[in-house]
Amino acid sequence: MGTGINPGFVMDTLPITLSSVCQEVKSIRVERVMDAASRRAPFQRKIGAGLSVDEFTRKIRDKQITGHVGLEQSVAMVADALKWKLQAVEVGTVKPVIAKKPVESKAVKVGAGKVAGLKQSACGIKDGKPVITLSFEAYIGAKEEYDSVAIKGTPSIRQKISPCVHGDLATAAMVVNSIPKVVNSEPGLKTMKDLPVPSAALEDFRLYVDSPSTKKNHS
């Protein structure tokens, strides 16, 4: 199963789950804003922190750094869960976030006018208009970190997690907590919408590890 925090939770599984209390869904908008200073150094380099705008543009063009990977797949997963047939998924260009004043992390110093990180968005188009919109921003010095889901429908839903879910810790947790669901599933490639909702239940994992069939298979 492919999973993680994003893709895997914030921009797909979470809005899908929240839609379950709606009688009708007209549109969904998900935003994730992260202060990259709290993330690992490789991630900060991946988003171009500390580069000039010209360097950032060149490295994006040459694919030496990338924008967020997975926006298109998250849009498609939400649409599939809602049984929406999209006309297109439009992924926006990666844009730099420019520091207005010097900011820094333990790994990177960003001068005013330099790139602090990046932003990117994607839309799912249905009946000629965007019905699923995902907006991702990650940069050093973000004033507020949050994950938000806004569903326009009956009833409308507005949910906000502040600060945003910590990507590094949450990715590991999601993978481990999904193990009991994966081992009990049918063979094949799965997405998060295909299996029961995971939870932080270590006892569930221990039951699998300690089961007689597992011991026999690993003996």
Protein backbone atom coordinates (compact mmCIF):
# COMPACT_ATOMS: atom_id res chain seq x y z
CA MET A 1 0.00 0.00 0.00
CA GLY A 2 1.21 3.47 -0.82
CA THR A 3 0.85 5.74 2.20
CA GLY A 4 2.47 8.48 4.25
CA ILE A 5 1.38 11.87 5.50
CA ASN A 6 1.05 13.65 2.15
CA PRO A 7 0.14 11.78 -0.01
CA GLY A 8 -1.52 9.35 2.37
CA PHE A 9 -3.44 11.49 4.83
CA VAL A 10 -3.65 15.30 4.81
CA MET A 11 -4.73 15.98 1.23
CA ASP A 12 -6.61 12.78 0.47
CA THR A 13 -7.58 10.42 3.30
CA LEU A 14 -8.57 13.24 5.66
CA PRO A 15 -10.92 15.07 3.24
CA ILE A 16 -12.36 11.74 2.09
CA THR A 17 -13.14 10.83 5.71
CA LEU A 18 -14.65 14.24 6.47
CA SER A 19 -16.90 13.95 3.43
CA SER A 20 -18.61 10.95 5.04
CA VAL A 21 -20.78 13.27 7.16
CA CYS A 22 -22.01 15.19 4.12
CA GLN A 23 -25.25 14.44 2.28
CA GLU A 24 -23.86 16.33 -0.71
CA VAL A 25 -20.39 17.55 -1.67
CA LYS A 26 -20.01 20.37 -4.17
CA SER A 27 -16.30 21.14 -3.78
CA ILE A 28 -13.29 20.46 -1.57
CA ARG A 29 -10.31 22.69 -0.83
CA VAL A 30 -7.29 21.47 1.16
CA GLU A 31 -4.39 23.68 2.29
CA ARG A 32 -1.12 22.65 3.90
CA VAL A 33 1.29 25.34 5.11
CA MET A 34 4.55 24.26 6.76
CA ASP A 35 7.45 26.06 8.39
CA ALA A 36 10.29 24.11 6.79
CA ALA A 37 12.65 25.20 9.57
CA SER A 38 11.14 22.44 11.71
CA ARG A 39 11.86 19.80 9.09
CA ARG A 40 15.05 17.87 8.32
CA ALA A 41 17.86 19.54 6.37
CA PRO A 42 17.44 17.41 3.19
CA PHE A 43 13.83 18.57 2.95
CA GLN A 44 14.90 22.19 3.25
CA ARG A 45 17.35 21.71 0.40
CA LYS A 46 14.70 19.88 -1.62
CA ILE A 47 12.44 22.95 -1.55
CA GLY A 48 15.27 25.27 -2.58
CA ALA A 49 15.71 27.17 0.68
CA GLY A 50 18.64 29.60 0.46
CA LEU A 51 18.84 29.72 -3.34
CA SER A 52 18.52 32.81 -5.47
CA VAL A 53 15.39 33.03 -7.62
CA ASP A 54 17.47 32.33 -10.75
CA GLU A 55 19.09 29.28 -9.14
CA PHE A 56 15.69 28.03 -8.01
CA THR A 57 14.20 28.44 -11.48
CA ARG A 58 17.12 26.64 -13.09
CA LYS A 59 17.13 23.75 -10.62
CA ILE A 60 13.36 23.27 -11.01
CA ARG A 61 13.74 23.33 -14.79
CA ASP A 62 16.59 20.81 -14.69
CA LYS A 63 14.72 18.70 -12.10
CA GLN A 64 17.57 19.01 -9.59
CA ILE A 65 14.89 19.97 -7.08
CA THR A 66 11.20 19.21 -7.31
CA GLY A 67 7.96 20.65 -6.14
CA HIS A 68 5.60 18.62 -4.01
CA VAL A 69 5.22 15.12 -5.41
CA GLY A 70 1.75 13.62 -5.23
CA LEU A 71 -0.74 16.44 -5.77
CA GLU A 72 -2.13 14.89 -8.93
CA GLN A 73 -2.48 11.49 -7.28
CA SER A 74 -4.23 12.96 -4.21
CA VAL A 75 -6.73 14.79 -6.43
CA ALA A 76 -7.43 11.58 -8.32
CA MET A 77 -7.87 9.57 -5.12
CA VAL A 78 -10.39 12.04 -3.66
CA ALA A 79 -12.32 12.12 -6.93
CA ASP A 80 -12.38 8.32 -7.12
CA ALA A 81 -13.68 8.05 -3.54
CA LEU A 82 -16.49 10.49 -4.38
CA LYS A 83 -17.20 8.73 -7.71
CA TRP A 84 -16.52 11.96 -9.58
CA LYS A 85 -15.38 11.70 -13.19
CA LEU A 86 -12.93 14.55 -13.69
CA GLN A 87 -12.34 16.17 -17.04
CA ALA A 88 -8.76 16.96 -16.08
CA VAL A 89 -6.30 17.34 -13.24
CA GLU A 90 -4.35 20.58 -13.56
CA VAL A 91 -1.08 20.79 -11.62
CA GLY A 92 0.29 24.32 -11.26
CA THR A 93 3.90 25.33 -11.78
CA VAL A 94 6.23 25.32 -8.79
CA LYS A 95 6.69 28.87 -7.51
CA PRO A 96 9.33 30.18 -5.10
CA VAL A 97 8.40 31.82 -1.81
CA ILE A 98 10.69 34.83 -1.41
CA ALA A 99 11.92 35.87 2.04
CA LYS A 100 10.99 39.49 2.82
CA LYS A 101 13.52 39.53 5.65
CA PRO A 102 16.37 37.23 6.75
CA VAL A 103 15.16 33.91 8.15
CA GLU A 104 17.03 30.78 9.13
CA SER A 105 16.91 27.25 10.39
CA LYS A 106 19.63 25.17 12.01
CA ALA A 107 20.75 24.10 8.53
CA VAL A 108 20.05 27.05 6.22
CA LYS A 109 20.32 30.84 6.35
CA VAL A 110 18.04 32.69 3.95
CA GLY A 111 18.74 36.33 3.17
CA ALA A 112 16.07 38.84 2.21
CA GLY A 113 15.20 38.38 -1.44
CA LYS A 114 16.34 34.75 -1.46
CA VAL A 115 14.14 31.69 -1.78
CA ALA A 116 12.71 30.47 1.53
CA GLY A 117 10.80 27.56 0.01
CA LEU A 118 8.06 26.89 -2.49
CA LYS A 119 4.35 26.72 -3.17
CA GLN A 120 2.28 24.72 -5.59
CA SER A 121 -1.36 23.84 -6.24
CA ALA A 122 -3.47 21.40 -8.20
CA CYS A 123 -7.11 21.31 -9.25
CA GLY A 124 -9.53 18.61 -10.31
CA ILE A 125 -11.86 19.91 -13.02
CA LYS A 126 -15.47 18.72 -13.32
CA ASP A 127 -18.16 20.30 -15.48
CA GLY A 128 -15.67 22.98 -16.46
CA LYS A 129 -14.87 24.21 -12.95
CA PRO A 130 -12.48 23.24 -10.13
CA VAL A 131 -14.15 20.96 -7.60
CA ILE A 132 -11.03 19.69 -5.81
CA THR A 133 -8.29 22.22 -5.00
CA LEU A 134 -5.07 21.35 -3.19
CA SER A 135 -2.65 24.08 -2.08
CA PHE A 136 0.80 23.26 -0.68
CA GLU A 137 3.31 25.72 0.82
CA ALA A 138 6.56 24.85 2.57
CA TYR A 139 9.09 27.53 3.45
CA ILE A 140 11.36 28.69 6.25
CA GLY A 141 9.73 31.38 8.33
CA ALA A 142 6.05 30.60 7.80
CA LYS A 143 4.13 32.59 10.42
CA GLU A 144 1.47 29.93 10.82
CA GLU A 145 1.57 26.19 10.18
CA TYR A 146 -1.71 24.45 9.51
CA ASP A 147 -3.62 21.82 7.58
CA SER A 148 -7.13 22.85 6.59
CA VAL A 149 -10.00 21.14 4.81
CA ALA A 150 -13.01 23.10 3.56
CA ILE A 151 -15.89 21.13 2.09
CA LYS A 152 -18.71 23.05 0.44
CA GLY A 153 -21.82 20.94 0.63
CA THR A 154 -24.65 19.81 2.89
CA PRO A 155 -23.55 20.38 5.54
CA SER A 156 -20.42 22.38 4.77
CA ILE A 157 -17.34 21.37 6.77
CA ARG A 158 -14.38 23.50 7.87
CA GLN A 159 -11.61 21.72 9.74
CA LYS A 160 -8.19 23.08 10.71
CA ILE A 161 -5.22 21.41 12.38
CA SER A 162 -2.83 23.97 13.85
CA PRO A 163 0.09 23.56 13.83
CA CYS A 164 0.16 21.25 10.82
CA VAL A 165 0.79 17.55 11.27
CA HIS A 166 4.57 16.97 11.54
CA GLY A 167 5.47 15.25 8.29
CA ASP A 168 8.53 13.30 9.41
CA LEU A 169 7.01 11.81 12.57
CA ALA A 170 3.58 11.27 11.03
CA THR A 171 4.88 9.48 7.95
CA ALA A 172 6.59 6.83 10.06
CA ALA A 173 3.51 6.50 12.28
CA MET A 174 1.14 6.11 9.34
CA VAL A 175 3.27 3.38 7.78
CA VAL A 176 3.61 1.40 11.02
CA ASN A 177 -0.04 1.83 12.06
CA SER A 178 -1.17 0.62 8.63
CA ILE A 179 0.69 -2.69 8.90
CA PRO A 180 -2.15 -4.65 10.60
CA LYS A 181 -4.59 -3.50 7.91
CA VAL A 182 -2.19 -4.40 5.10
CA VAL A 183 -1.36 -7.90 6.30
CA ASN A 184 -5.07 -8.71 6.62
CA SER A 185 -5.96 -7.39 3.16
CA GLU A 186 -6.29 -9.17 -0.15
CA PRO A 187 -3.18 -9.21 -2.38
CA GLY A 188 -2.65 -6.26 -4.70
CA LEU A 189 -1.71 -2.58 -4.78
CA LYS A 190 -3.88 -0.62 -2.35
CA THR A 191 -4.59 3.02 -1.57
CA MET A 192 -5.71 4.38 1.77
CA LYS A 193 -9.35 4.39 0.66
CA ASP A 194 -9.23 0.64 -0.04
CA LEU A 195 -8.49 -0.54 3.50
CA PRO A 196 -10.04 0.01 6.95
CA VAL A 197 -9.03 3.26 8.65
CA PRO A 198 -5.74 2.76 10.56
CA SER A 199 -5.30 3.85 14.16
CA ALA A 200 -2.50 4.19 16.68
CA ALA A 201 -3.15 0.75 18.14
CA LEU A 202 0.12 -0.96 19.03
CA GLU A 203 -1.88 -3.78 20.60
CA ASP A 204 -3.33 -4.56 17.17
CA PHE A 205 0.17 -4.85 15.75
CA ARG A 206 1.33 -7.05 18.63
CA LEU A 207 -1.62 -9.39 18.10
CA TYR A 208 -0.46 -9.91 14.54
CA VAL A 209 3.19 -10.38 15.48
CA ASP A 210 2.36 -12.83 18.26
CA SER A 211 -0.22 -14.85 16.33
CA PRO A 212 0.49 -18.60 15.87
CA SER A 213 0.33 -18.32 12.06
CA THR A 214 2.88 -15.51 12.07
CA LYS A 215 5.27 -17.42 14.32
CA LYS A 216 4.93 -20.47 12.11
CA ASN A 217 5.60 -18.47 8.93
CA HIS A 218 8.69 -16.84 10.43
CA SER A 219 10.11 -19.91 12.14
